[in-house]
Amino acid sequence: MRTTLLYIWLIVTILPTFSQWGTIAYYQINKDYITRVLCENRDKPQLHCDGHCYLAKKLKAQQEKQDQQTSDLVQNLPALHLFASPLARFEFLPTHISRSPRLAFFYQLATYHAPLSLPVHPPCA
């Protein structure tokens, strides 16, 4: 069950990345039809457009749609208020700790020991 959900999540997450590739693949497969019927510059063969204008329009429309969806998601995010409400009075309440041996701890002051007390000269060559 978890692996199935993981695969579904991966597909849903990665699918928008491949949508532009799908448009480019569609253009490559149907290049002749797009050049003959859908191209804006089909009457001007000297431009050698070959449907690139149609492809550019589709990719731009996809990008604008994705940007719009992203901006809608960002605008609809719930606000997270990171502040504390003011308190009228703040008190430290006493805490009662039992004197059991398992709560006891010991503190030992660390002492410093010099690594070498005498200067060491470099070896003679």
N, C-alpha and C. Protein backbone atom coordinates (compact mmCIF):
# COMPACT_ATOMS: atom_id res chain seq x y z
N MET A 1 0.83 -1.19 0.00
CA MET A 1 0.00 0.00 0.00
C MET A 1 0.87 1.25 0.00
N ARG A 2 1.91 1.24 0.84
CA ARG A 2 2.78 2.42 0.94
C ARG A 2 3.54 2.63 -0.36
N THR A 3 3.99 1.54 -0.97
CA THR A 3 4.74 1.68 -2.22
C THR A 3 3.83 2.18 -3.34
N THR A 4 2.59 1.74 -3.35
CA THR A 4 1.65 2.23 -4.35
C THR A 4 1.42 3.71 -4.19
N LEU A 5 1.22 4.15 -2.97
CA LEU A 5 1.04 5.58 -2.73
C LEU A 5 2.29 6.37 -3.08
N LEU A 6 3.44 5.79 -2.83
CA LEU A 6 4.70 6.45 -3.18
C LEU A 6 4.82 6.62 -4.69
N TYR A 7 4.50 5.58 -5.45
CA TYR A 7 4.56 5.68 -6.90
C TYR A 7 3.55 6.70 -7.44
N ILE A 8 2.36 6.71 -6.89
CA ILE A 8 1.36 7.69 -7.33
C ILE A 8 1.83 9.10 -7.02
N TRP A 9 2.38 9.30 -5.83
CA TRP A 9 2.89 10.63 -5.46
C TRP A 9 4.03 11.06 -6.39
N LEU A 10 4.94 10.14 -6.71
CA LEU A 10 6.04 10.47 -7.62
C LEU A 10 5.53 10.84 -9.01
N ILE A 11 4.58 10.10 -9.51
CA ILE A 11 4.03 10.39 -10.84
C ILE A 11 3.35 11.76 -10.84
N VAL A 12 2.55 12.02 -9.83
CA VAL A 12 1.85 13.31 -9.77
C VAL A 12 2.83 14.46 -9.62
N THR A 13 3.93 14.23 -8.89
CA THR A 13 4.92 15.29 -8.68
C THR A 13 5.74 15.54 -9.94
N ILE A 14 6.11 14.50 -10.64
CA ILE A 14 7.01 14.63 -11.78
C ILE A 14 6.26 14.91 -13.09
N LEU A 15 5.00 14.60 -13.17
CA LEU A 15 4.24 14.75 -14.40
C LEU A 15 4.27 16.16 -14.98
N PRO A 16 4.12 17.22 -14.19
CA PRO A 16 4.18 18.56 -14.80
C PRO A 16 5.53 18.87 -15.46
N THR A 17 6.59 18.24 -14.98
CA THR A 17 7.90 18.45 -15.58
C THR A 17 7.94 17.90 -16.99
N PHE A 18 7.26 16.80 -17.23
CA PHE A 18 7.28 16.15 -18.53
C PHE A 18 6.22 16.68 -19.48
N SER A 19 5.37 17.60 -19.04
CA SER A 19 4.31 18.08 -19.93
C SER A 19 4.88 18.85 -21.11
N GLN A 20 5.97 19.60 -20.92
CA GLN A 20 6.58 20.30 -22.05
C GLN A 20 7.21 19.30 -23.01
N TRP A 21 7.78 18.24 -22.48
CA TRP A 21 8.34 17.21 -23.35
C TRP A 21 7.23 16.56 -24.17
N GLY A 22 6.07 16.40 -23.56
CA GLY A 22 4.94 15.84 -24.29
C GLY A 22 4.52 16.73 -25.44
N THR A 23 4.53 18.02 -25.21
CA THR A 23 4.18 18.97 -26.27
C THR A 23 5.21 18.92 -27.39
N ILE A 24 6.48 18.83 -27.03
CA ILE A 24 7.53 18.76 -28.05
C ILE A 24 7.43 17.44 -28.82
N ALA A 25 7.13 16.35 -28.12
CA ALA A 25 6.96 15.05 -28.79
C ALA A 25 5.76 15.10 -29.74
N TYR A 26 4.66 15.70 -29.30
CA TYR A 26 3.49 15.85 -30.16
C TYR A 26 3.85 16.65 -31.41
N TYR A 27 4.65 17.71 -31.23
CA TYR A 27 5.06 18.53 -32.38
C TYR A 27 5.92 17.69 -33.34
N GLN A 28 6.86 16.92 -32.81
CA GLN A 28 7.73 16.12 -33.68
C GLN A 28 6.94 15.04 -34.43
N ILE A 29 5.97 14.45 -33.77
CA ILE A 29 5.18 13.39 -34.41
C ILE A 29 4.29 13.98 -35.50
N ASN A 30 3.68 15.11 -35.24
CA ASN A 30 2.72 15.72 -36.17
C ASN A 30 3.30 16.93 -36.88
N LYS A 31 4.58 16.93 -37.14
CA LYS A 31 5.25 18.10 -37.72
C LYS A 31 4.69 18.44 -39.11
N ASP A 32 4.44 17.45 -39.92
CA ASP A 32 3.92 17.71 -41.27
C ASP A 32 2.54 18.37 -41.21
N TYR A 33 1.66 17.83 -40.37
CA TYR A 33 0.31 18.40 -40.25
C TYR A 33 0.37 19.83 -39.70
N ILE A 34 1.19 20.04 -38.68
CA ILE A 34 1.30 21.37 -38.09
C ILE A 34 1.86 22.36 -39.11
N THR A 35 2.84 21.93 -39.89
CA THR A 35 3.44 22.82 -40.90
C THR A 35 2.42 23.16 -41.98
N ARG A 36 1.62 22.19 -42.42
CA ARG A 36 0.67 22.43 -43.51
C ARG A 36 -0.58 23.18 -43.06
N VAL A 37 -1.10 22.89 -41.85
CA VAL A 37 -2.41 23.39 -41.45
C VAL A 37 -2.34 24.47 -40.37
N LEU A 38 -1.57 24.25 -39.32
CA LEU A 38 -1.64 25.11 -38.14
C LEU A 38 -0.60 26.23 -38.11
N CYS A 39 0.41 26.18 -38.95
CA CYS A 39 1.48 27.17 -38.92
C CYS A 39 0.97 28.52 -39.40
N GLU A 40 1.36 29.57 -38.70
CA GLU A 40 0.96 30.92 -39.11
C GLU A 40 1.70 31.38 -40.36
N ASN A 41 2.89 30.85 -40.56
CA ASN A 41 3.72 31.27 -41.68
C ASN A 41 3.73 30.24 -42.81
N ARG A 42 2.65 29.50 -42.99
CA ARG A 42 2.62 28.48 -44.03
C ARG A 42 2.61 29.10 -45.43
N ASP A 43 2.19 30.36 -45.54
CA ASP A 43 2.19 31.05 -46.84
C ASP A 43 3.56 31.64 -47.17
N LYS A 44 4.50 31.59 -46.23
CA LYS A 44 5.84 32.16 -46.43
C LYS A 44 6.89 31.06 -46.21
N PRO A 45 7.10 30.20 -47.20
CA PRO A 45 8.05 29.09 -47.02
C PRO A 45 9.50 29.56 -46.89
N GLN A 46 9.81 30.77 -47.31
CA GLN A 46 11.18 31.26 -47.22
C GLN A 46 11.61 31.49 -45.76
N LEU A 47 10.65 31.58 -44.83
CA LEU A 47 10.97 31.77 -43.41
C LEU A 47 11.42 30.46 -42.75
N HIS A 48 11.11 29.32 -43.36
CA HIS A 48 11.44 28.01 -42.81
C HIS A 48 10.96 27.88 -41.36
N CYS A 49 9.73 28.30 -41.12
CA CYS A 49 9.15 28.24 -39.77
C CYS A 49 8.86 26.78 -39.38
N ASP A 50 8.31 26.02 -40.29
CA ASP A 50 8.00 24.60 -40.09
C ASP A 50 7.21 24.34 -38.80
N GLY A 51 6.36 25.26 -38.42
CA GLY A 51 5.50 25.05 -37.25
C GLY A 51 6.12 25.44 -35.94
N HIS A 52 7.31 26.03 -35.96
CA HIS A 52 7.93 26.47 -34.70
C HIS A 52 7.10 27.55 -34.01
N CYS A 53 6.38 28.34 -34.78
CA CYS A 53 5.53 29.36 -34.18
C CYS A 53 4.42 28.70 -33.36
N TYR A 54 3.85 27.62 -33.89
CA TYR A 54 2.80 26.88 -33.18
C TYR A 54 3.37 26.26 -31.91
N LEU A 55 4.55 25.66 -32.02
CA LEU A 55 5.20 25.05 -30.86
C LEU A 55 5.50 26.10 -29.80
N ALA A 56 6.01 27.25 -30.20
CA ALA A 56 6.32 28.32 -29.25
C ALA A 56 5.05 28.80 -28.53
N LYS A 57 3.96 28.94 -29.29
CA LYS A 57 2.68 29.36 -28.67
C LYS A 57 2.21 28.35 -27.63
N LYS A 58 2.27 27.06 -27.99
CA LYS A 58 1.82 26.02 -27.06
C LYS A 58 2.68 25.98 -25.81
N LEU A 59 4.00 26.08 -25.97
CA LEU A 59 4.88 26.06 -24.80
C LEU A 59 4.67 27.28 -23.93
N LYS A 60 4.45 28.44 -24.55
CA LYS A 60 4.21 29.67 -23.77
C LYS A 60 2.88 29.56 -23.02
N ALA A 61 1.84 29.01 -23.67
CA ALA A 61 0.55 28.84 -23.01
C ALA A 61 0.67 27.88 -21.83
N GLN A 62 1.43 26.81 -22.01
CA GLN A 62 1.63 25.86 -20.91
C GLN A 62 2.36 26.52 -19.75
N GLN A 63 3.38 27.31 -20.06
CA GLN A 63 4.15 27.97 -19.00
C GLN A 63 3.27 28.98 -18.25
N GLU A 64 2.46 29.73 -18.98
CA GLU A 64 1.56 30.70 -18.32
C GLU A 64 0.53 29.98 -17.45
N LYS A 65 0.02 28.86 -17.93
CA LYS A 65 -0.95 28.09 -17.15
C LYS A 65 -0.30 27.57 -15.87
N GLN A 66 0.94 27.07 -15.98
CA GLN A 66 1.65 26.57 -14.81
C GLN A 66 1.96 27.72 -13.84
N ASP A 67 2.35 28.87 -14.36
CA ASP A 67 2.61 30.02 -13.49
C ASP A 67 1.34 30.47 -12.78
N GLN A 68 0.21 30.46 -13.48
CA GLN A 68 -1.07 30.85 -12.88
C GLN A 68 -1.45 29.88 -11.77
N GLN A 69 -1.27 28.58 -12.02
CA GLN A 69 -1.60 27.59 -10.99
C GLN A 69 -0.70 27.77 -9.77
N THR A 70 0.57 28.05 -10.01
CA THR A 70 1.50 28.24 -8.90
C THR A 70 1.12 29.48 -8.10
N SER A 71 0.79 30.58 -8.79
CA SER A 71 0.42 31.79 -8.07
C SER A 71 -0.88 31.61 -7.30
N ASP A 72 -1.82 30.84 -7.87
CA ASP A 72 -3.06 30.55 -7.14
C ASP A 72 -2.78 29.74 -5.88
N LEU A 73 -1.88 28.77 -5.99
CA LEU A 73 -1.54 27.97 -4.81
C LEU A 73 -0.87 28.83 -3.75
N VAL A 74 0.01 29.72 -4.17
CA VAL A 74 0.72 30.57 -3.21
C VAL A 74 -0.25 31.53 -2.55
N GLN A 75 -1.18 32.08 -3.31
CA GLN A 75 -2.13 33.04 -2.74
C GLN A 75 -3.10 32.37 -1.78
N ASN A 76 -3.39 31.11 -2.00
CA ASN A 76 -4.37 30.41 -1.17
C ASN A 76 -3.74 29.67 0.01
N LEU A 77 -2.45 29.88 0.23
CA LEU A 77 -1.82 29.25 1.39
C LEU A 77 -2.37 29.86 2.68
N PRO A 78 -2.62 29.04 3.68
CA PRO A 78 -3.09 29.61 4.94
C PRO A 78 -1.98 30.40 5.61
N ALA A 79 -2.38 31.47 6.27
CA ALA A 79 -1.40 32.32 6.95
C ALA A 79 -0.97 31.64 8.24
N LEU A 80 0.30 31.69 8.49
CA LEU A 80 0.86 31.13 9.71
C LEU A 80 1.31 32.30 10.57
N HIS A 81 0.62 32.53 11.65
CA HIS A 81 0.94 33.66 12.52
C HIS A 81 1.97 33.22 13.54
N LEU A 82 3.13 33.82 13.46
CA LEU A 82 4.21 33.46 14.36
C LEU A 82 4.42 34.54 15.40
N PHE A 83 3.49 34.67 16.28
CA PHE A 83 3.64 35.62 17.37
C PHE A 83 2.92 35.05 18.59
N ALA A 84 3.28 35.56 19.73
CA ALA A 84 2.65 35.11 20.97
C ALA A 84 1.71 36.21 21.46
N SER A 85 0.63 35.80 22.01
CA SER A 85 -0.29 36.79 22.56
C SER A 85 0.29 37.37 23.84
N PRO A 86 0.05 38.63 24.11
CA PRO A 86 0.63 39.25 25.31
C PRO A 86 0.02 38.64 26.59
N LEU A 87 0.86 38.46 27.56
CA LEU A 87 0.42 37.91 28.84
C LEU A 87 0.25 39.06 29.84
N ALA A 88 -0.76 38.96 30.64
CA ALA A 88 -0.96 39.99 31.67
C ALA A 88 0.06 39.83 32.79
N ARG A 89 0.39 38.59 33.12
CA ARG A 89 1.30 38.34 34.22
C ARG A 89 2.04 37.03 33.97
N PHE A 90 3.31 37.02 34.27
CA PHE A 90 4.11 35.83 34.07
C PHE A 90 4.75 35.44 35.38
N GLU A 91 4.58 34.19 35.76
CA GLU A 91 5.12 33.72 37.03
C GLU A 91 5.91 32.44 36.82
N PHE A 92 6.93 32.28 37.66
CA PHE A 92 7.62 31.00 37.73
C PHE A 92 6.98 30.22 38.87
N LEU A 93 6.39 29.12 38.52
CA LEU A 93 5.76 28.30 39.54
C LEU A 93 6.81 27.37 40.15
N PRO A 94 6.75 27.16 41.46
CA PRO A 94 7.74 26.28 42.09
C PRO A 94 7.52 24.84 41.64
N THR A 95 8.61 24.15 41.42
CA THR A 95 8.51 22.74 41.05
C THR A 95 9.00 21.89 42.21
N HIS A 96 8.37 20.80 42.41
CA HIS A 96 8.72 19.90 43.50
C HIS A 96 9.42 18.69 42.91
N ILE A 97 10.71 18.57 43.28
CA ILE A 97 11.49 17.43 42.81
C ILE A 97 11.81 16.57 44.02
N SER A 98 11.48 15.34 43.90
CA SER A 98 11.76 14.45 45.03
C SER A 98 13.26 14.20 45.11
N ARG A 99 13.73 13.89 46.28
CA ARG A 99 15.15 13.69 46.49
C ARG A 99 15.49 12.20 46.38
N SER A 100 15.19 11.65 45.28
CA SER A 100 15.52 10.24 45.09
C SER A 100 16.92 10.13 44.48
N PRO A 101 17.63 9.03 44.73
CA PRO A 101 19.01 8.91 44.22
C PRO A 101 19.08 8.82 42.69
N ARG A 102 18.05 8.43 42.04
CA ARG A 102 18.13 8.31 40.59
C ARG A 102 18.10 9.68 39.90
N LEU A 103 17.65 10.73 40.59
CA LEU A 103 17.66 12.06 40.03
C LEU A 103 18.94 12.83 40.35
N ALA A 104 19.79 12.24 41.15
CA ALA A 104 21.02 12.92 41.54
C ALA A 104 22.02 12.87 40.40
N PHE A 105 22.78 13.94 40.27
CA PHE A 105 23.85 13.98 39.29
C PHE A 105 25.04 14.67 39.94
N PHE A 106 26.21 14.39 39.39
CA PHE A 106 27.43 14.93 39.95
C PHE A 106 28.12 15.78 38.90
N TYR A 107 28.71 16.86 39.34
CA TYR A 107 29.43 17.75 38.46
C TYR A 107 30.89 17.72 38.86
N GLN A 108 31.76 17.45 37.92
CA GLN A 108 33.17 17.41 38.20
C GLN A 108 33.84 18.49 37.38
N LEU A 109 34.58 19.36 38.04
CA LEU A 109 35.25 20.45 37.36
C LEU A 109 36.44 19.89 36.59
N ALA A 110 36.49 20.17 35.31
CA ALA A 110 37.60 19.70 34.49
C ALA A 110 38.82 20.56 34.74
N THR A 111 39.98 19.95 34.84
CA THR A 111 41.22 20.70 35.05
C THR A 111 42.04 20.68 33.78
N TYR A 112 42.79 21.72 33.58
CA TYR A 112 43.62 21.85 32.38
C TYR A 112 45.01 21.32 32.67
N HIS A 113 45.51 20.49 31.77
CA HIS A 113 46.87 19.99 31.86
C HIS A 113 47.60 20.42 30.61
N ALA A 114 48.73 21.08 30.78
CA ALA A 114 49.53 21.51 29.63
C ALA A 114 50.05 20.28 28.90
N PRO A 115 50.04 20.30 27.59
CA PRO A 115 50.49 19.12 26.87
C PRO A 115 51.98 18.81 27.12
N LEU A 116 52.81 19.82 27.08
CA LEU A 116 54.24 19.64 27.37
C LEU A 116 54.70 20.82 28.20
N SER A 117 55.43 20.52 29.24
CA SER A 117 55.87 21.61 30.09
C SER A 117 57.21 22.20 29.62
N LEU A 118 57.98 21.45 28.84
CA LEU A 118 59.27 21.93 28.35
C LEU A 118 59.18 22.18 26.84
N PRO A 119 59.85 23.22 26.37
CA PRO A 119 59.81 23.45 24.91
C PRO A 119 60.57 22.33 24.18
N VAL A 120 60.05 21.91 23.07
CA VAL A 120 60.67 20.85 22.28
C VAL A 120 61.30 21.50 21.06
N HIS A 121 62.59 21.25 20.85
CA HIS A 121 63.30 21.82 19.72
C HIS A 121 63.15 20.91 18.53
N PRO A 122 63.19 21.46 17.30
CA PRO A 122 63.10 20.61 16.12
C PRO A 122 64.33 19.73 15.99
N PRO A 123 64.22 18.61 15.32
CA PRO A 123 65.38 17.72 15.18
C PRO A 123 66.46 18.34 14.31
N CYS A 124 67.68 18.02 14.59
CA CYS A 124 68.82 18.53 13.82
C CYS A 124 69.04 17.63 12.62
N ALA A 125 69.36 18.27 11.52
CA ALA A 125 69.56 17.50 10.29
C ALA A 125 71.00 17.09 10.08
